[in-house]
Amino acid sequence: MHIALFKALKSLNLSDDQATEVVKAFEEYLAVKIKEANAGVEAQLKAQTWVIASVGFILAAIGLAPAFLKLFS
């Protein structure tokens, strides 16, 4: 995509430096927009990870409970 954009800018008679700056600015803009769009997904993934870890911990505690009860009785 960057090469196509660069070529399009060059066809408008922009210098190499100007076309390169436009491509870099566009790339930075896209990176910010992608990060903003993914923020909600990242938060949801963190929440799901906590839930899965908590359930795993509870299941491990339940599984080990009989061994501890036998050990201390």
PDB file of N, CA and C in Angstrom:
ATOM      1  N   MET A   1       0.820  -1.186   0.000  1.00  0.00           N
ATOM      2  CA  MET A   1       0.000   0.000   0.000  1.00  0.00           C
ATOM      3  C   MET A   1       0.868   1.255   0.000  1.00  0.00           C
ATOM      4  N   HIS A   2       1.966   1.223   0.736  1.00  0.00           N
ATOM      5  CA  HIS A   2       2.816   2.406   0.831  1.00  0.00           C
ATOM      6  C   HIS A   2       3.417   2.769  -0.518  1.00  0.00           C
ATOM      7  N   ILE A   3       3.790   1.749  -1.270  1.00  0.00           N
ATOM      8  CA  ILE A   3       4.389   2.007  -2.583  1.00  0.00           C
ATOM      9  C   ILE A   3       3.354   2.623  -3.513  1.00  0.00           C
ATOM     10  N   ALA A   4       2.128   2.107  -3.486  1.00  0.00           N
ATOM     11  CA  ALA A   4       1.071   2.658  -4.332  1.00  0.00           C
ATOM     12  C   ALA A   4       0.774   4.101  -3.960  1.00  0.00           C
ATOM     13  N   LEU A   5       0.716   4.386  -2.675  1.00  0.00           N
ATOM     14  CA  LEU A   5       0.479   5.760  -2.215  1.00  0.00           C
ATOM     15  C   LEU A   5       1.631   6.663  -2.626  1.00  0.00           C
ATOM     16  N   PHE A   6       2.852   6.179  -2.459  1.00  0.00           N
ATOM     17  CA  PHE A   6       4.030   6.963  -2.835  1.00  0.00           C
ATOM     18  C   PHE A   6       3.995   7.272  -4.335  1.00  0.00           C
ATOM     19  N   LYS A   7       3.674   6.279  -5.143  1.00  0.00           N
ATOM     20  CA  LYS A   7       3.617   6.489  -6.593  1.00  0.00           C
ATOM     21  C   LYS A   7       2.514   7.478  -6.962  1.00  0.00           C
ATOM     22  N   ALA A   8       1.376   7.387  -6.286  1.00  0.00           N
ATOM     23  CA  ALA A   8       0.282   8.323  -6.557  1.00  0.00           C
ATOM     24  C   ALA A   8       0.694   9.746  -6.212  1.00  0.00           C
ATOM     25  N   LEU A   9       1.393   9.902  -5.107  1.00  0.00           N
ATOM     26  CA  LEU A   9       1.863  11.235  -4.716  1.00  0.00           C
ATOM     27  C   LEU A   9       2.911  11.756  -5.695  1.00  0.00           C
ATOM     28  N   LYS A  10       3.762  10.867  -6.157  1.00  0.00           N
ATOM     29  CA  LYS A  10       4.780  11.265  -7.144  1.00  0.00           C
ATOM     30  C   LYS A  10       4.122  11.697  -8.453  1.00  0.00           C
ATOM     31  N   SER A  11       3.005  11.050  -8.812  1.00  0.00           N
ATOM     32  CA  SER A  11       2.320  11.423 -10.051  1.00  0.00           C
ATOM     33  C   SER A  11       1.700  12.811  -9.950  1.00  0.00           C
ATOM     34  N   LEU A  12       1.557  13.307  -8.725  1.00  0.00           N
ATOM     35  CA  LEU A  12       1.055  14.668  -8.507  1.00  0.00           C
ATOM     36  C   LEU A  12       2.195  15.678  -8.451  1.00  0.00           C
ATOM     37  N   ASN A  13       3.375  15.230  -8.840  1.00  0.00           N
ATOM     38  CA  ASN A  13       4.576  16.067  -8.912  1.00  0.00           C
ATOM     39  C   ASN A  13       5.080  16.520  -7.542  1.00  0.00           C
ATOM     40  N   LEU A  14       4.911  15.680  -6.534  1.00  0.00           N
ATOM     41  CA  LEU A  14       5.526  15.951  -5.236  1.00  0.00           C
ATOM     42  C   LEU A  14       6.956  15.413  -5.274  1.00  0.00           C
ATOM     43  N   SER A  15       7.820  16.043  -4.506  1.00  0.00           N
ATOM     44  CA  SER A  15       9.194  15.564  -4.439  1.00  0.00           C
ATOM     45  C   SER A  15       9.240  14.263  -3.637  1.00  0.00           C
ATOM     46  N   ASP A  16      10.362  13.561  -3.731  1.00  0.00           N
ATOM     47  CA  ASP A  16      10.519  12.315  -2.971  1.00  0.00           C
ATOM     48  C   ASP A  16      10.341  12.569  -1.480  1.00  0.00           C
ATOM     49  N   ASP A  17      10.944  13.649  -0.984  1.00  0.00           N
ATOM     50  CA  ASP A  17      10.860  13.950   0.449  1.00  0.00           C
ATOM     51  C   ASP A  17       9.424  14.258   0.869  1.00  0.00           C
ATOM     52  N   GLN A  18       8.718  15.031   0.061  1.00  0.00           N
ATOM     53  CA  GLN A  18       7.333  15.364   0.394  1.00  0.00           C
ATOM     54  C   GLN A  18       6.453  14.119   0.367  1.00  0.00           C
ATOM     55  N   ALA A  19       6.616  13.296  -0.644  1.00  0.00           N
ATOM     56  CA  ALA A  19       5.812  12.069  -0.738  1.00  0.00           C
ATOM     57  C   ALA A  19       6.116  11.139   0.429  1.00  0.00           C
ATOM     58  N   THR A  20       7.380  11.042   0.801  1.00  0.00           N
ATOM     59  CA  THR A  20       7.776  10.197   1.936  1.00  0.00           C
ATOM     60  C   THR A  20       7.157  10.705   3.231  1.00  0.00           C
ATOM     61  N   GLU A  21       7.145  12.007   3.439  1.00  0.00           N
ATOM     62  CA  GLU A  21       6.545  12.583   4.647  1.00  0.00           C
ATOM     63  C   GLU A  21       5.042  12.306   4.703  1.00  0.00           C
ATOM     64  N   VAL A  22       4.364  12.412   3.572  1.00  0.00           N
ATOM     65  CA  VAL A  22       2.927  12.126   3.540  1.00  0.00           C
ATOM     66  C   VAL A  22       2.678  10.661   3.889  1.00  0.00           C
ATOM     67  N   VAL A  23       3.461   9.764   3.330  1.00  0.00           N
ATOM     68  CA  VAL A  23       3.303   8.336   3.608  1.00  0.00           C
ATOM     69  C   VAL A  23       3.553   8.060   5.093  1.00  0.00           C
ATOM     70  N   LYS A  24       4.584   8.666   5.664  1.00  0.00           N
ATOM     71  CA  LYS A  24       4.877   8.469   7.089  1.00  0.00           C
ATOM     72  C   LYS A  24       3.741   9.002   7.960  1.00  0.00           C
ATOM     73  N   ALA A  25       3.218  10.184   7.625  1.00  0.00           N
ATOM     74  CA  ALA A  25       2.123  10.765   8.401  1.00  0.00           C
ATOM     75  C   ALA A  25       0.877   9.881   8.324  1.00  0.00           C
ATOM     76  N   PHE A  26       0.605   9.359   7.128  1.00  0.00           N
ATOM     77  CA  PHE A  26      -0.543   8.473   6.955  1.00  0.00           C
ATOM     78  C   PHE A  26      -0.367   7.189   7.758  1.00  0.00           C
ATOM     79  N   GLU A  27       0.845   6.666   7.760  1.00  0.00           N
ATOM     80  CA  GLU A  27       1.134   5.448   8.524  1.00  0.00           C
ATOM     81  C   GLU A  27       0.927   5.679  10.019  1.00  0.00           C
ATOM     82  N   GLU A  28       1.382   6.817  10.528  1.00  0.00           N
ATOM     83  CA  GLU A  28       1.203   7.139  11.943  1.00  0.00           C
ATOM     84  C   GLU A  28      -0.279   7.311  12.279  1.00  0.00           C
ATOM     85  N   TYR A  29      -1.014   7.967  11.390  1.00  0.00           N
ATOM     86  CA  TYR A  29      -2.454   8.156  11.587  1.00  0.00           C
ATOM     87  C   TYR A  29      -3.160   6.813  11.663  1.00  0.00           C
ATOM     88  N   LEU A  30      -2.829   5.907  10.746  1.00  0.00           N
ATOM     89  CA  LEU A  30      -3.438   4.578  10.753  1.00  0.00           C
ATOM     90  C   LEU A  30      -3.099   3.810  12.031  1.00  0.00           C
ATOM     91  N   ALA A  31      -1.861   3.914  12.487  1.00  0.00           N
ATOM     92  CA  ALA A  31      -1.453   3.213  13.705  1.00  0.00           C
ATOM     93  C   ALA A  31      -2.264   3.689  14.905  1.00  0.00           C
ATOM     94  N   VAL A  32      -2.495   4.992  15.006  1.00  0.00           N
ATOM     95  CA  VAL A  32      -3.283   5.541  16.114  1.00  0.00           C
ATOM     96  C   VAL A  32      -4.726   5.059  16.030  1.00  0.00           C
ATOM     97  N   LYS A  33      -5.298   5.092  14.839  1.00  0.00           N
ATOM     98  CA  LYS A  33      -6.692   4.670  14.669  1.00  0.00           C
ATOM     99  C   LYS A  33      -6.862   3.180  14.960  1.00  0.00           C
ATOM    100  N   ILE A  34      -5.908   2.376  14.556  1.00  0.00           N
ATOM    101  CA  ILE A  34      -5.976   0.938  14.833  1.00  0.00           C
ATOM    102  C   ILE A  34      -5.873   0.684  16.334  1.00  0.00           C
ATOM    103  N   LYS A  35      -4.973   1.409  16.998  1.00  0.00           N
ATOM    104  CA  LYS A  35      -4.823   1.255  18.449  1.00  0.00           C
ATOM    105  C   LYS A  35      -6.114   1.650  19.172  1.00  0.00           C
ATOM    106  N   GLU A  36      -6.728   2.741  18.731  1.00  0.00           N
ATOM    107  CA  GLU A  36      -7.990   3.166  19.333  1.00  0.00           C
ATOM    108  C   GLU A  36      -9.082   2.126  19.107  1.00  0.00           C
ATOM    109  N   ALA A  37      -9.138   1.570  17.913  1.00  0.00           N
ATOM    110  CA  ALA A  37     -10.162   0.578  17.589  1.00  0.00           C
ATOM    111  C   ALA A  37      -9.973  -0.708  18.387  1.00  0.00           C
ATOM    112  N   ASN A  38      -8.747  -1.055  18.685  1.00  0.00           N
ATOM    113  CA  ASN A  38      -8.449  -2.297  19.407  1.00  0.00           C
ATOM    114  C   ASN A  38      -8.522  -2.144  20.915  1.00  0.00           C
ATOM    115  N   ALA A  39      -8.648  -0.931  21.417  1.00  0.00           N
ATOM    116  CA  ALA A  39      -8.636  -0.711  22.867  1.00  0.00           C
ATOM    117  C   ALA A  39      -9.753  -1.491  23.561  1.00  0.00           C
ATOM    118  N   GLY A  40     -10.943  -1.478  23.003  1.00  0.00           N
ATOM    119  CA  GLY A  40     -12.059  -2.208  23.608  1.00  0.00           C
ATOM    120  C   GLY A  40     -11.831  -3.705  23.597  1.00  0.00           C
ATOM    121  N   VAL A  41     -11.284  -4.208  22.512  1.00  0.00           N
ATOM    122  CA  VAL A  41     -11.014  -5.641  22.401  1.00  0.00           C
ATOM    123  C   VAL A  41      -9.946  -6.051  23.416  1.00  0.00           C
ATOM    124  N   GLU A  42      -8.924  -5.223  23.579  1.00  0.00           N
ATOM    125  CA  GLU A  42      -7.870  -5.524  24.551  1.00  0.00           C
ATOM    126  C   GLU A  42      -8.431  -5.561  25.971  1.00  0.00           C
ATOM    127  N   ALA A  43      -9.308  -4.626  26.297  1.00  0.00           N
ATOM    128  CA  ALA A  43      -9.905  -4.606  27.639  1.00  0.00           C
ATOM    129  C   ALA A  43     -10.752  -5.856  27.865  1.00  0.00           C
ATOM    130  N   GLN A  44     -11.509  -6.238  26.850  1.00  0.00           N
ATOM    131  CA  GLN A  44     -12.348  -7.440  26.970  1.00  0.00           C
ATOM    132  C   GLN A  44     -11.480  -8.686  27.133  1.00  0.00           C
ATOM    133  N   LEU A  45     -10.387  -8.751  26.408  1.00  0.00           N
ATOM    134  CA  LEU A  45      -9.486  -9.892  26.508  1.00  0.00           C
ATOM    135  C   LEU A  45      -8.866  -9.985  27.902  1.00  0.00           C
ATOM    136  N   LYS A  46      -8.491  -8.847  28.479  1.00  0.00           N
ATOM    137  CA  LYS A  46      -7.941  -8.848  29.835  1.00  0.00           C
ATOM    138  C   LYS A  46      -8.971  -9.346  30.841  1.00  0.00           C
ATOM    139  N   ALA A  47     -10.214  -8.900  30.673  1.00  0.00           N
ATOM    140  CA  ALA A  47     -11.272  -9.336  31.595  1.00  0.00           C
ATOM    141  C   ALA A  47     -11.506 -10.840  31.475  1.00  0.00           C
ATOM    142  N   GLN A  48     -11.536 -11.346  30.257  1.00  0.00           N
ATOM    143  CA  GLN A  48     -11.743 -12.778  30.066  1.00  0.00           C
ATOM    144  C   GLN A  48     -10.574 -13.576  30.637  1.00  0.00           C
ATOM    145  N   THR A  49      -9.371 -13.066  30.496  1.00  0.00           N
ATOM    146  CA  THR A  49      -8.202 -13.746  31.041  1.00  0.00           C
ATOM    147  C   THR A  49      -8.308 -13.850  32.560  1.00  0.00           C
ATOM    148  N   TRP A  50      -8.763 -12.777  33.202  1.00  0.00           N
ATOM    149  CA  TRP A  50      -8.936 -12.809  34.657  1.00  0.00           C
ATOM    150  C   TRP A  50      -9.982 -13.836  35.062  1.00  0.00           C
ATOM    151  N   VAL A  51     -11.070 -13.906  34.334  1.00  0.00           N
ATOM    152  CA  VAL A  51     -12.129 -14.863  34.654  1.00  0.00           C
ATOM    153  C   VAL A  51     -11.610 -16.291  34.511  1.00  0.00           C
ATOM    154  N   ILE A  52     -10.925 -16.563  33.413  1.00  0.00           N
ATOM    155  CA  ILE A  52     -10.402 -17.911  33.182  1.00  0.00           C
ATOM    156  C   ILE A  52      -9.388 -18.289  34.265  1.00  0.00           C
ATOM    157  N   ALA A  53      -8.527 -17.356  34.628  1.00  0.00           N
ATOM    158  CA  ALA A  53      -7.537 -17.631  35.670  1.00  0.00           C
ATOM    159  C   ALA A  53      -8.218 -17.888  37.016  1.00  0.00           C
ATOM    160  N   SER A  54      -9.236 -17.113  37.316  1.00  0.00           N
ATOM    161  CA  SER A  54      -9.952 -17.293  38.587  1.00  0.00           C
ATOM    162  C   SER A  54     -10.642 -18.651  38.641  1.00  0.00           C
ATOM    163  N   VAL A  55     -11.292 -19.028  37.555  1.00  0.00           N
ATOM    164  CA  VAL A  55     -11.952 -20.334  37.512  1.00  0.00           C
ATOM    165  C   VAL A  55     -10.917 -21.451  37.638  1.00  0.00           C
ATOM    166  N   GLY A  56      -9.798 -21.303  36.957  1.00  0.00           N
ATOM    167  CA  GLY A  56      -8.735 -22.303  37.071  1.00  0.00           C
ATOM    168  C   GLY A  56      -8.222 -22.439  38.491  1.00  0.00           C
ATOM    169  N   PHE A  57      -8.046 -21.309  39.166  1.00  0.00           N
ATOM    170  CA  PHE A  57      -7.579 -21.329  40.547  1.00  0.00           C
ATOM    171  C   PHE A  57      -8.594 -22.027  41.448  1.00  0.00           C
ATOM    172  N   ILE A  58      -9.865 -21.720  41.259  1.00  0.00           N
ATOM    173  CA  ILE A  58     -10.917 -22.347  42.083  1.00  0.00           C
ATOM    174  C   ILE A  58     -10.964 -23.853  41.837  1.00  0.00           C
ATOM    175  N   LEU A  59     -10.880 -24.248  40.563  1.00  0.00           N
ATOM    176  CA  LEU A  59     -10.886 -25.680  40.260  1.00  0.00           C
ATOM    177  C   LEU A  59      -9.673 -26.389  40.862  1.00  0.00           C
ATOM    178  N   ALA A  60      -8.517 -25.727  40.833  1.00  0.00           N
ATOM    179  CA  ALA A  60      -7.321 -26.321  41.434  1.00  0.00           C
ATOM    180  C   ALA A  60      -7.485 -26.444  42.945  1.00  0.00           C
ATOM    181  N   ALA A  61      -8.064 -25.419  43.565  1.00  0.00           N
ATOM    182  CA  ALA A  61      -8.275 -25.462  45.020  1.00  0.00           C
ATOM    183  C   ALA A  61      -9.256 -26.574  45.391  1.00  0.00           C
ATOM    184  N   ILE A  62     -10.309 -26.721  44.608  1.00  0.00           N
ATOM    185  CA  ILE A  62     -11.284 -27.784  44.873  1.00  0.00           C
ATOM    186  C   ILE A  62     -10.635 -29.158  44.687  1.00  0.00           C
ATOM    187  N   GLY A  63      -9.804 -29.271  43.676  1.00  0.00           N
ATOM    188  CA  GLY A  63      -9.145 -30.553  43.415  1.00  0.00           C
ATOM    189  C   GLY A  63      -8.144 -30.922  44.483  1.00  0.00           C
ATOM    190  N   LEU A  64      -7.506 -29.920  45.083  1.00  0.00           N
ATOM    191  CA  LEU A  64      -6.506 -30.197  46.126  1.00  0.00           C
ATOM    192  C   LEU A  64      -7.108 -30.290  47.527  1.00  0.00           C
ATOM    193  N   ALA A  65      -8.337 -29.855  47.701  1.00  0.00           N
ATOM    194  CA  ALA A  65      -8.959 -29.848  49.023  1.00  0.00           C
ATOM    195  C   ALA A  65      -8.968 -31.223  49.669  1.00  0.00           C
ATOM    196  N   PRO A  66      -9.359 -32.297  48.979  1.00  0.00           N
ATOM    197  CA  PRO A  66      -9.353 -33.608  49.632  1.00  0.00           C
ATOM    198  C   PRO A  66      -7.970 -34.024  50.126  1.00  0.00           C
ATOM    199  N   ALA A  67      -6.941 -33.689  49.384  1.00  0.00           N
ATOM    200  CA  ALA A  67      -5.582 -34.043  49.799  1.00  0.00           C
ATOM    201  C   ALA A  67      -5.204 -33.297  51.071  1.00  0.00           C
ATOM    202  N   PHE A  68      -5.555 -32.026  51.169  1.00  0.00           N
ATOM    203  CA  PHE A  68      -5.247 -31.257  52.376  1.00  0.00           C
ATOM    204  C   PHE A  68      -6.067 -31.753  53.561  1.00  0.00           C
ATOM    205  N   LEU A  69      -7.319 -32.090  53.322  1.00  0.00           N
ATOM    206  CA  LEU A  69      -8.164 -32.595  54.412  1.00  0.00           C
ATOM    207  C   LEU A  69      -7.620 -33.923  54.932  1.00  0.00           C
ATOM    208  N   LYS A  70      -7.154 -34.770  54.051  1.00  0.00           N
ATOM    209  CA  LYS A  70      -6.602 -36.064  54.447  1.00  0.00           C
ATOM    210  C   LYS A  70      -5.277 -35.852  55.197  1.00  0.00           C
ATOM    211  N   LEU A  71      -4.486 -34.887  54.752  1.00  0.00           N
ATOM    212  CA  LEU A  71      -3.192 -34.621  55.361  1.00  0.00           C
ATOM    213  C   LEU A  71      -3.336 -34.130  56.795  1.00  0.00           C
ATOM    214  N   PHE A  72      -4.319 -33.277  57.031  1.00  0.00           N
ATOM    215  CA  PHE A  72      -4.468 -32.676  58.351  1.00  0.00           C
ATOM    216  C   PHE A  72      -5.503 -33.369  59.230  1.00  0.00           C
ATOM    217  N   SER A  73      -6.033 -34.483  58.812  1.00  0.00           N
ATOM    218  CA  SER A  73      -7.005 -35.158  59.683  1.00  0.00           C
ATOM    219  C   SER A  73      -6.444 -36.416  60.279  1.00  0.00           C
TER     220      SER A  73
END
